C-alpha atoms as a PDB file:
ATOM      1  CA  MET A   1       0.000   0.000   0.000  1.00  0.00           C
ATOM      2  CA  LYS A   2       1.337   3.404  -0.984  1.00  0.00           C
ATOM      3  CA  LYS A   3       1.338   6.226   1.501  1.00  0.00           C
ATOM      4  CA  HIS A   4       0.093   9.492   0.151  1.00  0.00           C
ATOM      5  CA  ARG A   5       2.056  12.523   0.979  1.00  0.00           C
ATOM      6  CA  SER A   6      -0.058  15.157   2.553  1.00  0.00           C
ATOM      7  CA  THR A   7       0.656  18.757   1.814  1.00  0.00           C
ATOM      8  CA  PRO A   8       1.506  20.829   4.853  1.00  0.00           C
ATOM      9  CA  PRO A   9      -1.140  23.264   6.084  1.00  0.00           C
ATOM     10  CA  ALA A  10      -0.849  26.791   4.866  1.00  0.00           C
ATOM     11  CA  VAL A  11       1.569  28.805   6.899  1.00  0.00           C
ATOM     12  CA  ALA A  12      -0.027  31.762   8.605  1.00  0.00           C
ATOM     13  CA  LYS A  13       1.142  34.997   7.065  1.00  0.00           C
ATOM     14  CA  ARG A  14       0.339  38.665   7.306  1.00  0.00           C
ATOM     15  CA  THR A  15      -2.891  39.619   5.683  1.00  0.00           C
ATOM     16  CA  SER A  16      -2.630  41.695   2.545  1.00  0.00           C
ATOM     17  CA  ASP A  17      -5.994  43.351   3.095  1.00  0.00           C
ATOM     18  CA  PRO A  18      -5.276  47.041   3.809  1.00  0.00           C
ATOM     19  CA  LEU A  19      -8.482  47.462   5.793  1.00  0.00           C
ATOM     20  CA  MET A  20      -7.583  44.588   8.097  1.00  0.00           C
ATOM     21  CA  GLU A  21      -4.065  45.985   8.549  1.00  0.00           C
ATOM     22  CA  TRP A  22      -5.573  49.368   9.455  1.00  0.00           C
ATOM     23  CA  MET A  23      -8.049  47.801  11.872  1.00  0.00           C
ATOM     24  CA  LYS A  24      -5.272  45.816  13.542  1.00  0.00           C
ATOM     25  CA  GLY A  25      -3.164  48.946  14.001  1.00  0.00           C
ATOM     26  CA  PHE A  26      -6.072  50.991  15.269  1.00  0.00           C
ATOM     27  CA  THR A  27      -6.992  48.232  17.716  1.00  0.00           C
ATOM     28  CA  LEU A  28      -3.435  48.181  19.065  1.00  0.00           C
ATOM     29  CA  LEU A  29      -3.520  51.969  19.481  1.00  0.00           C
ATOM     30  CA  LEU A  30      -6.836  51.748  21.334  1.00  0.00           C
ATOM     31  CA  ILE A  31      -5.520  48.962  23.595  1.00  0.00           C
ATOM     32  CA  CYS A  32      -2.567  51.167  24.561  1.00  0.00           C
ATOM     33  CA  LEU A  33      -4.919  54.072  25.222  1.00  0.00           C
ATOM     34  CA  PHE A  34      -7.161  51.818  27.327  1.00  0.00           C
ATOM     35  CA  LEU A  35      -4.188  50.574  29.358  1.00  0.00           C
ATOM     36  CA  GLY A  36      -3.079  54.181  29.802  1.00  0.00           C
ATOM     37  CA  ASN A  37      -6.496  55.122  31.165  1.00  0.00           C
ATOM     38  CA  ILE A  38      -6.336  52.194  33.584  1.00  0.00           C
ATOM     39  CA  LEU A  39      -2.919  53.396  34.774  1.00  0.00           C
ATOM     40  CA  ASN A  40      -4.356  56.891  35.136  1.00  0.00           C
ATOM     41  CA  ALA A  41      -7.074  55.539  37.419  1.00  0.00           C
ATOM     42  CA  LEU A  42      -4.564  53.540  39.477  1.00  0.00           C
ATOM     43  CA  ILE A  43      -1.767  56.117  39.790  1.00  0.00           C
ATOM     44  CA  PRO A  44      -2.786  59.285  41.662  1.00  0.00           C
ATOM     45  CA  LEU A  45      -0.799  61.761  39.539  1.00  0.00           C
ATOM     46  CA  ALA A  46      -2.068  64.609  37.386  1.00  0.00           C
ATOM     47  CA  ILE A  47      -0.956  62.888  34.176  1.00  0.00           C
ATOM     48  CA  PRO A  48      -3.575  62.236  31.479  1.00  0.00           C
ATOM     49  CA  GLY A  49      -4.359  58.662  30.511  1.00  0.00           C
ATOM     50  CA  ALA A  50      -3.304  59.385  26.925  1.00  0.00           C
ATOM     51  CA  ILE A  51       0.238  60.146  28.122  1.00  0.00           C
ATOM     52  CA  TYR A  52       0.334  56.859  30.019  1.00  0.00           C
ATOM     53  CA  GLY A  53      -0.952  55.213  26.828  1.00  0.00           C
ATOM     54  CA  ILE A  54       1.914  56.728  24.863  1.00  0.00           C
ATOM     55  CA  LEU A  55       4.346  55.349  27.442  1.00  0.00           C
ATOM     56  CA  VAL A  56       2.685  51.915  27.172  1.00  0.00           C
ATOM     57  CA  MET A  57       3.061  52.110  23.383  1.00  0.00           C
ATOM     58  CA  LEU A  58       6.710  53.177  23.688  1.00  0.00           C
ATOM     59  CA  THR A  59       7.415  50.306  26.068  1.00  0.00           C
ATOM     60  CA  ALA A  60       5.660  47.777  23.821  1.00  0.00           C
ATOM     61  CA  LEU A  61       7.581  49.018  20.773  1.00  0.00           C
ATOM     62  CA  SER A  62      10.905  49.051  22.642  1.00  0.00           C
ATOM     63  CA  LEU A  63      10.408  45.510  23.927  1.00  0.00           C
ATOM     64  CA  LYS A  64       9.322  44.351  20.437  1.00  0.00           C
ATOM     65  CA  ILE A  65       5.898  43.324  21.767  1.00  0.00           C
ATOM     66  CA  ILE A  66       4.357  45.444  19.012  1.00  0.00           C
ATOM     67  CA  ASP A  67       5.965  45.741  15.597  1.00  0.00           C
ATOM     68  CA  ILE A  68       6.037  49.248  14.123  1.00  0.00           C
ATOM     69  CA  GLU A  69       4.589  47.926  10.853  1.00  0.00           C
ATOM     70  CA  ASP A  70       1.510  46.749  12.746  1.00  0.00           C
ATOM     71  CA  ILE A  71       0.515  50.264  13.820  1.00  0.00           C
ATOM     72  CA  ASP A  72       1.848  52.216  10.839  1.00  0.00           C
ATOM     73  CA  PRO A  73      -1.308  52.159   8.653  1.00  0.00           C
ATOM     74  CA  ALA A  74      -3.528  53.477  11.449  1.00  0.00           C
ATOM     75  CA  ALA A  75      -0.903  55.973  12.623  1.00  0.00           C
ATOM     76  CA  GLN A  76      -0.493  57.383   9.108  1.00  0.00           C
ATOM     77  CA  THR A  77      -4.262  57.790   8.775  1.00  0.00           C
ATOM     78  CA  LEU A  78      -4.498  59.608  12.106  1.00  0.00           C
ATOM     79  CA  LEU A  79      -1.505  61.818  11.278  1.00  0.00           C
ATOM     80  CA  GLY A  80      -3.136  62.730   7.982  1.00  0.00           C
ATOM     81  CA  ALA A  81      -6.268  63.879   9.814  1.00  0.00           C
ATOM     82  CA  MET A  82      -4.443  65.596  12.676  1.00  0.00           C
ATOM     83  CA  ALA A  83      -5.468  69.096  11.615  1.00  0.00           C
ATOM     84  CA  LEU A  84      -9.111  68.143  12.179  1.00  0.00           C
ATOM     85  CA  PHE A  85      -8.353  67.337  15.821  1.00  0.00           C
ATOM     86  CA  PHE A  86      -7.367  70.962  16.469  1.00  0.00           C
ATOM     87  CA  ILE A  87     -10.610  72.484  15.188  1.00  0.00           C
ATOM     88  CA  PRO A  88     -12.624  72.075  18.444  1.00  0.00           C
ATOM     89  CA  GLY A  89      -9.838  73.697  20.470  1.00  0.00           C
ATOM     90  CA  ALA A  90      -9.521  76.582  18.007  1.00  0.00           C
ATOM     91  CA  VAL A  91     -13.280  77.172  18.036  1.00  0.00           C
ATOM     92  CA  ASN A  92     -13.297  77.114  21.828  1.00  0.00           C
ATOM     93  CA  LEU A  93     -10.415  79.598  21.901  1.00  0.00           C
ATOM     94  CA  MET A  94     -12.387  81.952  19.653  1.00  0.00           C
ATOM     95  CA  THR A  95     -15.288  81.877  22.103  1.00  0.00           C
ATOM     96  CA  VAL A  96     -13.094  83.031  25.025  1.00  0.00           C
ATOM     97  CA  VAL A  97     -11.182  85.779  23.166  1.00  0.00           C
ATOM     98  CA  PRO A  98     -13.427  88.540  24.590  1.00  0.00           C
ATOM     99  CA  GLU A  99     -12.635  87.350  28.112  1.00  0.00           C
ATOM    100  CA  ILE A 100      -8.846  87.290  27.574  1.00  0.00           C
ATOM    101  CA  LYS A 101      -8.625  90.277  25.226  1.00  0.00           C
ATOM    102  CA  ASP A 102      -6.635  92.338  27.740  1.00  0.00           C
ATOM    103  CA  GLU A 103      -4.078  89.530  28.138  1.00  0.00           C
ATOM    104  CA  LEU A 104      -3.529  88.650  24.460  1.00  0.00           C
ATOM    105  CA  LEU A 105      -0.248  90.553  24.131  1.00  0.00           C
ATOM    106  CA  LYS A 106       1.165  88.848  27.245  1.00  0.00           C
ATOM    107  CA  LEU A 107       0.027  85.447  25.955  1.00  0.00           C
ATOM    108  CA  PHE A 108       1.574  86.109  22.543  1.00  0.00           C
ATOM    109  CA  VAL A 109       4.922  87.104  24.102  1.00  0.00           C
ATOM    110  CA  LEU A 110       4.851  84.038  26.364  1.00  0.00           C
ATOM    111  CA  VAL A 111       4.172  81.721  23.434  1.00  0.00           C
ATOM    112  CA  ILE A 112       7.024  83.230  21.397  1.00  0.00           C
ATOM    113  CA  LEU A 113       9.453  83.080  24.344  1.00  0.00           C
ATOM    114  CA  SER A 114       8.562  79.540  25.382  1.00  0.00           C
ATOM    115  CA  THR A 115       8.720  78.284  21.792  1.00  0.00           C
ATOM    116  CA  SER A 116      12.136  79.901  21.357  1.00  0.00           C
ATOM    117  CA  MET A 117      13.382  78.360  24.597  1.00  0.00           C
ATOM    118  CA  VAL A 118      12.208  74.898  23.531  1.00  0.00           C
ATOM    119  CA  PHE A 119      13.857  75.405  20.137  1.00  0.00           C
ATOM    120  CA  PHE A 120      17.239  76.339  21.617  1.00  0.00           C
ATOM    121  CA  VAL A 121      17.202  73.761  24.423  1.00  0.00           C
ATOM    122  CA  THR A 122      16.332  71.035  21.921  1.00  0.00           C
ATOM    123  CA  GLY A 123      19.133  72.149  19.606  1.00  0.00           C
ATOM    124  CA  TYR A 124      21.722  72.185  22.386  1.00  0.00           C
ATOM    125  CA  THR A 125      20.499  68.822  23.684  1.00  0.00           C
ATOM    126  CA  VAL A 126      20.848  67.230  20.247  1.00  0.00           C
ATOM    127  CA  GLU A 127      24.300  68.783  19.863  1.00  0.00           C
ATOM    128  CA  LEU A 128      25.357  67.420  23.271  1.00  0.00           C
ATOM    129  CA  ILE A 129      24.026  63.943  22.498  1.00  0.00           C
ATOM    130  CA  LEU A 130      25.815  63.882  19.148  1.00  0.00           C
ATOM    131  CA  LYS A 131      29.079  64.924  20.820  1.00  0.00           C
ATOM    132  CA  LEU A 132      28.660  62.233  23.488  1.00  0.00           C
ATOM    133  CA  GLN A 133      27.903  59.611  20.856  1.00  0.00           C
ATOM    134  CA  GLY A 134      30.991  60.673  18.942  1.00  0.00           C
ATOM    135  CA  LYS A 135      33.139  60.324  22.052  1.00  0.00           C
ATOM    136  CA  LEU A 136      31.659  56.926  22.856  1.00  0.00           C
ATOM    137  CA  LYS A 137      32.329  55.676  19.332  1.00  0.00           C
ATOM    138  CA  GLY A 138      35.809  57.167  19.349  1.00  0.00           C
ATOM    139  CA  VAL A 139      35.154  59.564  16.483  1.00  0.00           C
END
């Protein structure tokens, strides 16, 4: 009696359906946000749950629990629509302009100064890190 060779079962591979890839990425983003909100409820600090969620995402990416390609489709979609997320805040700001009209010049100066400080501190930090990396590599 001859034995028939059976073909091995299909090996599981990544889906090529873009919608499913997007849904997978969006689900992973929502899971990180959910875990961040749980941490926010458990840790009595004035840090928003979304920030904890970002830290959960960073940890998962750093530990290779989540692959960057898994969240990329959803992240690109959300980045493309980011301007829409600022509309409610801008509309709300327009409604309070009469109340803060006397302070607008001070607010404008503060925004310019703080932005400049962040710009320069970031530049010097990057320069310092590059110098330290050069010294560590012996360059």
